[in-house]
Amino acid sequence: MRAKICIFLVMAFAFSGCIGIINLGEIGINKNFGVKTIIPTTKPMMATQDGTNASADEDVHDEKMIITPGNDNQLQWQGPGEIFVPILLYHHILEHEVENIYSVNVSSFREQMSYLKENGYSTINTQQLAKAITEGANLPQKPVLITFDDGNENIYLNAYPVMKEFDLTGTVYPIANRLTAGGFLSVDQLNELIIGGWEVGSHGYTHVDLVEYPDALRNEIGESKKKLEEKLETGILTFAYSFGKASAVTKDWVKRVGYFSGMGLGIQNFHSEKDIWYLSRRQVNSDTTPLEFIQLLSYN
């Protein structure tokens, strides 16, 4: 009798849960991953900036999708709460020999982008990430966020064509007072990236260390946003801290000026609501080996 009961329970569990767990080995052990098979009919309430509650978008729940096995490109509902998304950080992508640790040779970059594509990764932007953390959102099963600091022109010349070839997009953080400087992205180049699906944020007005020079907060955080929005065909809603340094005051400024996230440095690929104003990015260096690149995408 006990054996019959055990067999019945195993069969029932396999029947009812197989869809929900089919991708756990690929996605990870995060409790907020997985497919929601029960679609709520009520709209969630979200806090507005003035502290009142407002209804979420009309179709926020209608967008939820149930994942079927064997389709890595399907979307799935993730969040709200802690989610797993690797955020990679680059500075220079060079055709010639790399100049320093912040430069990656274009051939190595191509291999890295090829690895992402061949292993089922899809790029998202910071707005999608922030929404998933705070409200929940449909994301690819294996999302990755690729960011570029400083706004160097070689991002347009060398990184953009490679990423376009692999159907990947990125987020670039230019320095506002360098838009017309030699060696940096021009307004036309940035607008072309935007049309191509890229996201643009701010990396400050002059790239000042805001922890050491807090008097520069207004100019670096606020005026950089204003200038970039005047020049570009997009809203500037994400900020990358110079040198990855931010104090509580710095992060509060980023929040109050009207950004929805702040980018820092770190070693974590898990992100939660407490991290929104200092998201952990993992830097890809000139000496990053293929194995180390894979480890940057891991759960460790």
C-alpha atoms as a PDB file:
ATOM      1  CA  MET A   1       0.000   0.000   0.000  1.00  0.00           C
ATOM      2  CA  ARG A   2       2.792   2.457   0.922  1.00  0.00           C
ATOM      3  CA  ALA A   3       4.520   1.740  -2.395  1.00  0.00           C
ATOM      4  CA  LYS A   4       1.339   2.524  -4.336  1.00  0.00           C
ATOM      5  CA  ILE A   5       0.952   5.829  -2.509  1.00  0.00           C
ATOM      6  CA  CYS A   6       4.563   6.806  -3.262  1.00  0.00           C
ATOM      7  CA  ILE A   7       4.130   5.997  -6.952  1.00  0.00           C
ATOM      8  CA  PHE A   8       0.924   8.060  -7.063  1.00  0.00           C
ATOM      9  CA  LEU A   9       2.612  11.070  -5.436  1.00  0.00           C
ATOM     10  CA  VAL A  10       5.599  10.959  -7.760  1.00  0.00           C
ATOM     11  CA  MET A  11       3.330  10.803 -10.824  1.00  0.00           C
ATOM     12  CA  ALA A  12       1.204  13.682  -9.552  1.00  0.00           C
ATOM     13  CA  PHE A  13       4.239  15.859  -8.825  1.00  0.00           C
ATOM     14  CA  ALA A  14       5.806  15.168 -12.214  1.00  0.00           C
ATOM     15  CA  PHE A  15       2.528  15.971 -14.020  1.00  0.00           C
ATOM     16  CA  SER A  16       1.787  19.197 -12.181  1.00  0.00           C
ATOM     17  CA  GLY A  17       5.313  20.585 -11.861  1.00  0.00           C
ATOM     18  CA  CYS A  18       7.277  19.561 -14.937  1.00  0.00           C
ATOM     19  CA  ILE A  19       6.670  22.796 -16.839  1.00  0.00           C
ATOM     20  CA  GLY A  20       7.642  24.952 -13.892  1.00  0.00           C
ATOM     21  CA  ILE A  21      10.947  23.229 -13.201  1.00  0.00           C
ATOM     22  CA  ILE A  22      12.105  22.240 -16.655  1.00  0.00           C
ATOM     23  CA  ASN A  23      14.651  25.094 -16.894  1.00  0.00           C
ATOM     24  CA  LEU A  24      15.864  25.347 -13.327  1.00  0.00           C
ATOM     25  CA  GLY A  25      19.258  23.893 -14.166  1.00  0.00           C
ATOM     26  CA  GLU A  26      19.756  26.599 -16.775  1.00  0.00           C
ATOM     27  CA  ILE A  27      18.240  29.530 -14.919  1.00  0.00           C
ATOM     28  CA  GLY A  28      19.518  28.884 -11.428  1.00  0.00           C
ATOM     29  CA  ILE A  29      18.122  28.479  -7.966  1.00  0.00           C
ATOM     30  CA  ASN A  30      16.754  31.979  -7.407  1.00  0.00           C
ATOM     31  CA  LYS A  31      13.329  31.692  -5.851  1.00  0.00           C
ATOM     32  CA  ASN A  32      11.960  34.427  -8.111  1.00  0.00           C
ATOM     33  CA  PHE A  33      12.867  32.630 -11.330  1.00  0.00           C
ATOM     34  CA  GLY A  34      10.461  30.338 -13.040  1.00  0.00           C
ATOM     35  CA  VAL A  35       7.146  30.555 -14.782  1.00  0.00           C
ATOM     36  CA  LYS A  36       4.010  31.940 -13.235  1.00  0.00           C
ATOM     37  CA  THR A  37       1.142  29.751 -14.337  1.00  0.00           C
ATOM     38  CA  ILE A  38      -1.509  31.632 -12.333  1.00  0.00           C
ATOM     39  CA  ILE A  39      -2.214  35.008 -13.898  1.00  0.00           C
ATOM     40  CA  PRO A  40      -3.637  37.536 -11.413  1.00  0.00           C
ATOM     41  CA  THR A  41      -6.628  39.520 -12.701  1.00  0.00           C
ATOM     42  CA  THR A  42      -6.158  42.556 -10.459  1.00  0.00           C
ATOM     43  CA  LYS A  43      -3.741  45.368 -11.236  1.00  0.00           C
ATOM     44  CA  PRO A  44      -0.912  45.923  -8.729  1.00  0.00           C
ATOM     45  CA  MET A  45      -0.474  49.280  -7.026  1.00  0.00           C
ATOM     46  CA  MET A  46       2.818  51.123  -7.343  1.00  0.00           C
ATOM     47  CA  ALA A  47       4.129  54.007  -5.275  1.00  0.00           C
ATOM     48  CA  THR A  48       4.463  57.272  -7.174  1.00  0.00           C
ATOM     49  CA  GLN A  49       7.089  59.928  -6.503  1.00  0.00           C
ATOM     50  CA  ASP A  50       4.672  61.939  -4.370  1.00  0.00           C
ATOM     51  CA  GLY A  51       4.033  58.935  -2.137  1.00  0.00           C
ATOM     52  CA  THR A  52       0.546  58.100  -3.393  1.00  0.00           C
ATOM     53  CA  ASN A  53      -0.486  54.853  -5.016  1.00  0.00           C
ATOM     54  CA  ALA A  54      -1.248  54.493  -8.692  1.00  0.00           C
ATOM     55  CA  SER A  55      -2.398  51.608 -10.844  1.00  0.00           C
ATOM     56  CA  ALA A  56       0.221  49.843 -12.920  1.00  0.00           C
ATOM     57  CA  ASP A  57       0.024  49.643 -16.707  1.00  0.00           C
ATOM     58  CA  GLU A  58      -3.237  48.176 -17.954  1.00  0.00           C
ATOM     59  CA  ASP A  59      -1.590  45.179 -19.577  1.00  0.00           C
ATOM     60  CA  VAL A  60       1.079  44.454 -16.955  1.00  0.00           C
ATOM     61  CA  HIS A  61      -0.304  40.963 -16.258  1.00  0.00           C
ATOM     62  CA  ASP A  62      -1.550  40.309 -19.758  1.00  0.00           C
ATOM     63  CA  GLU A  63       2.084  40.275 -20.882  1.00  0.00           C
ATOM     64  CA  LYS A  64       2.997  37.226 -18.796  1.00  0.00           C
ATOM     65  CA  MET A  65       4.033  34.224 -20.803  1.00  0.00           C
ATOM     66  CA  ILE A  66       4.279  30.552 -19.888  1.00  0.00           C
ATOM     67  CA  ILE A  67       7.555  29.032 -21.019  1.00  0.00           C
ATOM     68  CA  THR A  68       7.558  25.864 -23.023  1.00  0.00           C
ATOM     69  CA  PRO A  69      10.555  23.497 -22.897  1.00  0.00           C
ATOM     70  CA  GLY A  70      13.258  23.878 -25.520  1.00  0.00           C
ATOM     71  CA  ASN A  71      12.744  27.548 -26.435  1.00  0.00           C
ATOM     72  CA  ASP A  72      15.564  29.646 -24.990  1.00  0.00           C
ATOM     73  CA  ASN A  73      14.351  32.861 -26.639  1.00  0.00           C
ATOM     74  CA  GLN A  74      10.964  32.903 -24.945  1.00  0.00           C
ATOM     75  CA  LEU A  75      10.221  35.506 -22.318  1.00  0.00           C
ATOM     76  CA  GLN A  76       9.338  34.652 -18.759  1.00  0.00           C
ATOM     77  CA  TRP A  77       8.039  36.617 -15.813  1.00  0.00           C
ATOM     78  CA  GLN A  78      10.788  37.454 -13.302  1.00  0.00           C
ATOM     79  CA  GLY A  79      10.551  39.396 -10.051  1.00  0.00           C
ATOM     80  CA  PRO A  80       9.594  41.430  -8.264  1.00  0.00           C
ATOM     81  CA  GLY A  81      12.469  40.960  -5.854  1.00  0.00           C
ATOM     82  CA  GLU A  82      15.936  39.530  -6.277  1.00  0.00           C
ATOM     83  CA  ILE A  83      16.782  38.371  -9.799  1.00  0.00           C
ATOM     84  CA  PHE A  84      19.868  37.055 -11.561  1.00  0.00           C
ATOM     85  CA  VAL A  85      21.259  39.178 -14.415  1.00  0.00           C
ATOM     86  CA  PRO A  86      24.992  39.498 -15.205  1.00  0.00           C
ATOM     87  CA  ILE A  87      25.970  43.122 -15.926  1.00  0.00           C
ATOM     88  CA  LEU A  88      29.216  43.409 -17.883  1.00  0.00           C
ATOM     89  CA  LEU A  89      31.366  46.553 -18.035  1.00  0.00           C
ATOM     90  CA  TYR A  90      33.691  47.573 -20.876  1.00  0.00           C
ATOM     91  CA  HIS A  91      35.621  50.786 -21.637  1.00  0.00           C
ATOM     92  CA  HIS A  92      37.618  50.443 -24.880  1.00  0.00           C
ATOM     93  CA  ILE A  93      37.242  47.947 -27.743  1.00  0.00           C
ATOM     94  CA  LEU A  94      40.370  48.249 -29.905  1.00  0.00           C
ATOM     95  CA  GLU A  95      41.437  46.763 -33.233  1.00  0.00           C
ATOM     96  CA  HIS A  96      45.121  47.117 -32.449  1.00  0.00           C
ATOM     97  CA  GLU A  97      47.108  45.915 -29.447  1.00  0.00           C
ATOM     98  CA  VAL A  98      45.430  46.811 -26.164  1.00  0.00           C
ATOM     99  CA  GLU A  99      46.813  49.837 -24.345  1.00  0.00           C
ATOM    100  CA  ASN A 100      45.881  49.039 -20.730  1.00  0.00           C
ATOM    101  CA  ILE A 101      43.725  46.825 -18.563  1.00  0.00           C
ATOM    102  CA  TYR A 102      40.605  48.765 -19.589  1.00  0.00           C
ATOM    103  CA  SER A 103      41.015  47.886 -23.276  1.00  0.00           C
ATOM    104  CA  VAL A 104      39.718  44.706 -24.902  1.00  0.00           C
ATOM    105  CA  ASN A 105      40.931  43.573 -28.311  1.00  0.00           C
ATOM    106  CA  VAL A 106      38.122  43.395 -30.878  1.00  0.00           C
ATOM    107  CA  SER A 107      38.881  39.746 -31.658  1.00  0.00           C
ATOM    108  CA  SER A 108      38.486  38.821 -27.974  1.00  0.00           C
ATOM    109  CA  PHE A 109      35.332  40.917 -27.816  1.00  0.00           C
ATOM    110  CA  ARG A 110      33.925  39.062 -30.821  1.00  0.00           C
ATOM    111  CA  GLU A 111      34.628  35.726 -29.139  1.00  0.00           C
ATOM    112  CA  GLN A 112      32.842  36.932 -26.001  1.00  0.00           C
ATOM    113  CA  MET A 113      29.784  38.147 -27.908  1.00  0.00           C
ATOM    114  CA  SER A 114      29.739  34.928 -29.917  1.00  0.00           C
ATOM    115  CA  TYR A 115      29.761  32.943 -26.682  1.00  0.00           C
ATOM    116  CA  LEU A 116      26.768  34.905 -25.398  1.00  0.00           C
ATOM    117  CA  LYS A 117      24.801  34.328 -28.581  1.00  0.00           C
ATOM    118  CA  GLU A 118      25.677  30.659 -28.934  1.00  0.00           C
ATOM    119  CA  ASN A 119      24.739  29.975 -25.309  1.00  0.00           C
ATOM    120  CA  GLY A 120      21.306  31.551 -25.438  1.00  0.00           C
ATOM    121  CA  TYR A 121      21.931  34.926 -23.783  1.00  0.00           C
ATOM    122  CA  SER A 122      19.800  37.912 -24.748  1.00  0.00           C
ATOM    123  CA  THR A 123      20.615  41.533 -23.944  1.00  0.00           C
ATOM    124  CA  ILE A 124      18.329  43.774 -21.905  1.00  0.00           C
ATOM    125  CA  ASN A 125      18.689  47.375 -20.721  1.00  0.00           C
ATOM    126  CA  THR A 126      18.684  48.909 -17.255  1.00  0.00           C
ATOM    127  CA  GLN A 127      15.080  50.029 -17.502  1.00  0.00           C
ATOM    128  CA  GLN A 128      13.971  46.431 -18.043  1.00  0.00           C
ATOM    129  CA  LEU A 129      16.168  45.287 -15.156  1.00  0.00           C
ATOM    130  CA  ALA A 130      14.843  47.935 -12.762  1.00  0.00           C
ATOM    131  CA  LYS A 131      11.238  47.182 -13.679  1.00  0.00           C
ATOM    132  CA  ALA A 132      11.746  43.448 -13.147  1.00  0.00           C
ATOM    133  CA  ILE A 133      13.236  44.083  -9.696  1.00  0.00           C
ATOM    134  CA  THR A 134      10.608  46.565  -8.516  1.00  0.00           C
ATOM    135  CA  GLU A 135       7.439  45.397 -10.274  1.00  0.00           C
ATOM    136  CA  GLY A 136       8.211  42.175 -12.096  1.00  0.00           C
ATOM    137  CA  ALA A 137       8.592  41.976 -15.877  1.00  0.00           C
ATOM    138  CA  ASN A 138       9.012  39.595 -18.768  1.00  0.00           C
ATOM    139  CA  LEU A 139      12.717  38.989 -19.405  1.00  0.00           C
ATOM    140  CA  PRO A 140      14.589  36.504 -21.586  1.00  0.00           C
ATOM    141  CA  GLN A 141      15.449  33.246 -19.861  1.00  0.00           C
ATOM    142  CA  LYS A 142      19.152  34.161 -19.897  1.00  0.00           C
ATOM    143  CA  PRO A 143      19.347  37.956 -19.741  1.00  0.00           C
ATOM    144  CA  VAL A 144      22.604  39.905 -19.779  1.00  0.00           C
ATOM    145  CA  LEU A 145      23.264  43.647 -19.638  1.00  0.00           C
ATOM    146  CA  ILE A 146      26.318  44.976 -21.514  1.00  0.00           C
ATOM    147  CA  THR A 147      27.543  48.444 -20.523  1.00  0.00           C
ATOM    148  CA  PHE A 148      30.274  50.775 -21.777  1.00  0.00           C
ATOM    149  CA  ASP A 149      31.666  53.652 -19.696  1.00  0.00           C
ATOM    150  CA  ASP A 150      33.227  56.955 -20.850  1.00  0.00           C
ATOM    151  CA  GLY A 151      31.672  57.109 -24.336  1.00  0.00           C
ATOM    152  CA  ASN A 152      34.795  56.289 -26.313  1.00  0.00           C
ATOM    153  CA  GLU A 153      34.346  56.409 -30.099  1.00  0.00           C
ATOM    154  CA  ASN A 154      35.770  52.908 -30.500  1.00  0.00           C
ATOM    155  CA  ILE A 155      32.530  51.601 -29.000  1.00  0.00           C
ATOM    156  CA  TYR A 156      30.721  52.823 -32.111  1.00  0.00           C
ATOM    157  CA  LEU A 157      33.524  51.823 -34.490  1.00  0.00           C
ATOM    158  CA  ASN A 158      34.370  48.387 -33.084  1.00  0.00           C
ATOM    159  CA  ALA A 159      31.835  47.143 -30.531  1.00  0.00           C
ATOM    160  CA  TYR A 160      28.632  48.241 -32.262  1.00  0.00           C
ATOM    161  CA  PRO A 161      29.191  46.311 -35.543  1.00  0.00           C
ATOM    162  CA  VAL A 162      30.082  43.112 -33.681  1.00  0.00           C
ATOM    163  CA  MET A 163      27.089  43.332 -31.374  1.00  0.00           C
ATOM    164  CA  LYS A 164      24.792  44.146 -34.280  1.00  0.00           C
ATOM    165  CA  GLU A 165      26.048  41.021 -36.051  1.00  0.00           C
ATOM    166  CA  PHE A 166      25.026  38.904 -33.052  1.00  0.00           C
ATOM    167  CA  ASP A 167      21.748  40.782 -32.498  1.00  0.00           C
ATOM    168  CA  LEU A 168      22.913  42.227 -29.177  1.00  0.00           C
ATOM    169  CA  THR A 169      22.494  45.741 -27.801  1.00  0.00           C
ATOM    170  CA  GLY A 170      24.209  47.689 -25.044  1.00  0.00           C
ATOM    171  CA  THR A 171      24.031  50.644 -22.697  1.00  0.00           C
ATOM    172  CA  VAL A 172      26.615  53.394 -23.142  1.00  0.00           C
ATOM    173  CA  TYR A 173      27.526  55.987 -20.511  1.00  0.00           C
ATOM    174  CA  PRO A 174      29.139  59.055 -22.139  1.00  0.00           C
ATOM    175  CA  ILE A 175      30.673  61.979 -20.248  1.00  0.00           C
ATOM    176  CA  ALA A 176      28.564  65.041 -21.077  1.00  0.00           C
ATOM    177  CA  ASN A 177      31.353  67.560 -21.750  1.00  0.00           C
ATOM    178  CA  ARG A 178      33.140  65.204 -24.166  1.00  0.00           C
ATOM    179  CA  LEU A 179      30.415  64.865 -26.808  1.00  0.00           C
ATOM    180  CA  THR A 180      32.355  67.022 -29.276  1.00  0.00           C
ATOM    181  CA  ALA A 181      35.858  65.953 -28.191  1.00  0.00           C
ATOM    182  CA  GLY A 182      38.106  63.892 -30.442  1.00  0.00           C
ATOM    183  CA  GLY A 183      38.079  60.166 -29.725  1.00  0.00           C
ATOM    184  CA  PHE A 184      34.658  60.235 -28.084  1.00  0.00           C
ATOM    185  CA  LEU A 185      31.178  59.446 -29.375  1.00  0.00           C
ATOM    186  CA  SER A 186      29.501  62.236 -31.303  1.00  0.00           C
ATOM    187  CA  VAL A 187      25.847  63.191 -31.034  1.00  0.00           C
ATOM    188  CA  ASP A 188      25.146  61.595 -34.430  1.00  0.00           C
ATOM    189  CA  GLN A 189      26.858  58.355 -33.416  1.00  0.00           C
ATOM    190  CA  LEU A 190      24.949  58.210 -30.131  1.00  0.00           C
ATOM    191  CA  ASN A 191      21.654  58.824 -31.906  1.00  0.00           C
ATOM    192  CA  GLU A 192      22.464  56.003 -34.323  1.00  0.00           C
ATOM    193  CA  LEU A 193      23.075  53.683 -31.379  1.00  0.00           C
ATOM    194  CA  ILE A 194      19.732  54.749 -29.897  1.00  0.00           C
ATOM    195  CA  ILE A 195      17.950  54.001 -33.177  1.00  0.00           C
ATOM    196  CA  GLY A 196      19.709  50.618 -33.133  1.00  0.00           C
ATOM    197  CA  GLY A 197      18.114  49.765 -29.782  1.00  0.00           C
ATOM    198  CA  TRP A 198      20.875  50.927 -27.459  1.00  0.00           C
ATOM    199  CA  GLU A 199      20.317  52.742 -24.181  1.00  0.00           C
ATOM    200  CA  VAL A 200      22.239  55.892 -23.202  1.00  0.00           C
ATOM    201  CA  GLY A 201      22.892  56.999 -19.632  1.00  0.00           C
ATOM    202  CA  SER A 202      25.140  59.579 -17.994  1.00  0.00           C
ATOM    203  CA  HIS A 203      28.664  59.103 -16.665  1.00  0.00           C
ATOM    204  CA  GLY A 204      28.779  62.608 -15.221  1.00  0.00           C
ATOM    205  CA  TYR A 205      29.607  66.005 -16.677  1.00  0.00           C
ATOM    206  CA  THR A 206      33.396  65.904 -16.298  1.00  0.00           C
ATOM    207  CA  HIS A 207      34.024  62.467 -14.703  1.00  0.00           C
ATOM    208  CA  VAL A 208      34.714  63.768 -11.189  1.00  0.00           C
ATOM    209  CA  ASP A 209      35.068  61.542  -8.124  1.00  0.00           C
ATOM    210  CA  LEU A 210      31.801  62.465  -6.383  1.00  0.00           C
ATOM    211  CA  VAL A 211      32.813  60.970  -3.046  1.00  0.00           C
ATOM    212  CA  GLU A 212      35.913  63.143  -2.883  1.00  0.00           C
ATOM    213  CA  TYR A 213      34.226  66.223  -4.408  1.00  0.00           C
ATOM    214  CA  PRO A 214      30.591  66.305  -3.199  1.00  0.00           C
ATOM    215  CA  ASP A 215      30.282  69.968  -4.219  1.00  0.00           C
ATOM    216  CA  ALA A 216      30.167  68.729  -7.821  1.00  0.00           C
ATOM    217  CA  LEU A 217      27.031  66.613  -7.310  1.00  0.00           C
ATOM    218  CA  ARG A 218      24.614  69.077  -8.919  1.00  0.00           C
ATOM    219  CA  ASN A 219      26.719  69.574 -12.023  1.00  0.00           C
ATOM    220  CA  GLU A 220      27.847  65.975 -12.491  1.00  0.00           C
ATOM    221  CA  ILE A 221      24.476  64.323 -11.863  1.00  0.00           C
ATOM    222  CA  GLY A 222      21.906  66.962 -12.743  1.00  0.00           C
ATOM    223  CA  GLU A 223      23.527  69.093 -15.448  1.00  0.00           C
ATOM    224  CA  SER A 224      24.945  66.069 -17.272  1.00  0.00           C
ATOM    225  CA  LYS A 225      21.426  64.646 -17.560  1.00  0.00           C
ATOM    226  CA  LYS A 226      20.092  67.967 -18.823  1.00  0.00           C
ATOM    227  CA  LYS A 227      22.815  68.436 -21.451  1.00  0.00           C
ATOM    228  CA  LEU A 228      22.597  64.886 -22.765  1.00  0.00           C
ATOM    229  CA  GLU A 229      18.817  65.066 -23.046  1.00  0.00           C
ATOM    230  CA  GLU A 230      19.089  68.360 -24.935  1.00  0.00           C
ATOM    231  CA  LYS A 231      21.491  66.815 -27.440  1.00  0.00           C
ATOM    232  CA  LEU A 232      20.102  63.291 -27.833  1.00  0.00           C
ATOM    233  CA  GLU A 233      16.831  61.769 -28.978  1.00  0.00           C
ATOM    234  CA  THR A 234      16.199  59.922 -25.720  1.00  0.00           C
ATOM    235  CA  GLY A 235      15.643  60.344 -22.005  1.00  0.00           C
ATOM    236  CA  ILE A 236      18.699  59.909 -19.774  1.00  0.00           C
ATOM    237  CA  LEU A 237      17.449  57.740 -16.923  1.00  0.00           C
ATOM    238  CA  THR A 238      20.433  55.759 -15.682  1.00  0.00           C
ATOM    239  CA  PHE A 239      23.702  57.001 -14.130  1.00  0.00           C
ATOM    240  CA  ALA A 240      27.131  55.339 -13.882  1.00  0.00           C
ATOM    241  CA  TYR A 241      29.298  56.548 -10.988  1.00  0.00           C
ATOM    242  CA  SER A 242      32.776  57.778 -11.887  1.00  0.00           C
ATOM    243  CA  PHE A 243      35.390  55.257 -10.703  1.00  0.00           C
ATOM    244  CA  GLY A 244      32.482  53.193  -9.341  1.00  0.00           C
ATOM    245  CA  LYS A 245      32.452  55.341  -6.197  1.00  0.00           C
ATOM    246  CA  ALA A 246      29.231  56.483  -4.518  1.00  0.00           C
ATOM    247  CA  SER A 247      28.217  57.540  -1.015  1.00  0.00           C
ATOM    248  CA  ALA A 248      24.712  57.563   0.422  1.00  0.00           C
ATOM    249  CA  VAL A 249      24.471  61.250  -0.504  1.00  0.00           C
ATOM    250  CA  THR A 250      25.575  60.539  -4.075  1.00  0.00           C
ATOM    251  CA  LYS A 251      22.989  57.801  -4.522  1.00  0.00           C
ATOM    252  CA  ASP A 252      20.284  60.032  -3.044  1.00  0.00           C
ATOM    253  CA  TRP A 253      21.134  62.728  -5.589  1.00  0.00           C
ATOM    254  CA  VAL A 254      20.833  60.236  -8.445  1.00  0.00           C
ATOM    255  CA  LYS A 255      17.423  59.216  -7.161  1.00  0.00           C
ATOM    256  CA  ARG A 256      16.132  62.764  -6.625  1.00  0.00           C
ATOM    257  CA  VAL A 257      17.330  64.092  -9.997  1.00  0.00           C
ATOM    258  CA  GLY A 258      15.115  61.568 -11.780  1.00  0.00           C
ATOM    259  CA  TYR A 259      17.214  58.567 -12.757  1.00  0.00           C
ATOM    260  CA  PHE A 260      15.771  55.096 -12.181  1.00  0.00           C
ATOM    261  CA  SER A 261      19.087  53.354 -11.413  1.00  0.00           C
ATOM    262  CA  GLY A 262      22.761  53.843 -10.602  1.00  0.00           C
ATOM    263  CA  MET A 263      25.612  51.678 -11.916  1.00  0.00           C
ATOM    264  CA  GLY A 264      28.586  50.771  -9.771  1.00  0.00           C
ATOM    265  CA  LEU A 265      31.126  47.953  -9.597  1.00  0.00           C
ATOM    266  CA  GLY A 266      31.016  44.608  -7.841  1.00  0.00           C
ATOM    267  CA  ILE A 267      31.185  40.851  -8.075  1.00  0.00           C
ATOM    268  CA  GLN A 268      27.511  39.904  -7.771  1.00  0.00           C
ATOM    269  CA  ASN A 269      25.065  38.939 -10.506  1.00  0.00           C
ATOM    270  CA  PHE A 270      22.073  38.928  -8.171  1.00  0.00           C
ATOM    271  CA  HIS A 271      20.248  42.247  -7.828  1.00  0.00           C
ATOM    272  CA  SER A 272      17.407  43.328  -5.551  1.00  0.00           C
ATOM    273  CA  GLU A 273      15.516  46.524  -4.792  1.00  0.00           C
ATOM    274  CA  LYS A 274      18.128  47.647  -2.270  1.00  0.00           C
ATOM    275  CA  ASP A 275      20.709  47.572  -5.100  1.00  0.00           C
ATOM    276  CA  ILE A 276      18.824  49.783  -7.588  1.00  0.00           C
ATOM    277  CA  TRP A 277      21.006  52.824  -6.839  1.00  0.00           C
ATOM    278  CA  TYR A 278      24.261  50.861  -6.945  1.00  0.00           C
ATOM    279  CA  LEU A 279      23.959  47.919  -9.313  1.00  0.00           C
ATOM    280  CA  SER A 280      26.887  45.512  -9.384  1.00  0.00           C
ATOM    281  CA  ARG A 281      28.809  45.379 -12.664  1.00  0.00           C
ATOM    282  CA  ARG A 282      31.568  42.936 -13.519  1.00  0.00           C
ATOM    283  CA  GLN A 283      34.429  44.452 -15.474  1.00  0.00           C
ATOM    284  CA  VAL A 284      35.873  42.721 -18.535  1.00  0.00           C
ATOM    285  CA  ASN A 285      39.591  43.507 -18.785  1.00  0.00           C
ATOM    286  CA  SER A 286      42.293  43.119 -21.392  1.00  0.00           C
ATOM    287  CA  ASP A 287      43.561  39.976 -19.676  1.00  0.00           C
ATOM    288  CA  THR A 288      40.164  38.338 -19.081  1.00  0.00           C
ATOM    289  CA  THR A 289      40.489  34.748 -20.332  1.00  0.00           C
ATOM    290  CA  PRO A 290      37.616  32.829 -21.969  1.00  0.00           C
ATOM    291  CA  LEU A 291      37.165  30.802 -18.772  1.00  0.00           C
ATOM    292  CA  GLU A 292      37.155  33.945 -16.637  1.00  0.00           C
ATOM    293  CA  PHE A 293      34.581  35.488 -18.965  1.00  0.00           C
ATOM    294  CA  ILE A 294      32.302  32.498 -18.443  1.00  0.00           C
ATOM    295  CA  GLN A 295      32.801  32.837 -14.685  1.00  0.00           C
ATOM    296  CA  LEU A 296      31.677  36.459 -14.865  1.00  0.00           C
ATOM    297  CA  LEU A 297      28.310  35.119 -16.029  1.00  0.00           C
ATOM    298  CA  SER A 298      28.055  32.501 -13.283  1.00  0.00           C
ATOM    299  CA  TYR A 299      26.151  32.303 -10.004  1.00  0.00           C
ATOM    300  CA  ASN A 300      29.319  32.460  -7.897  1.00  0.00           C
END
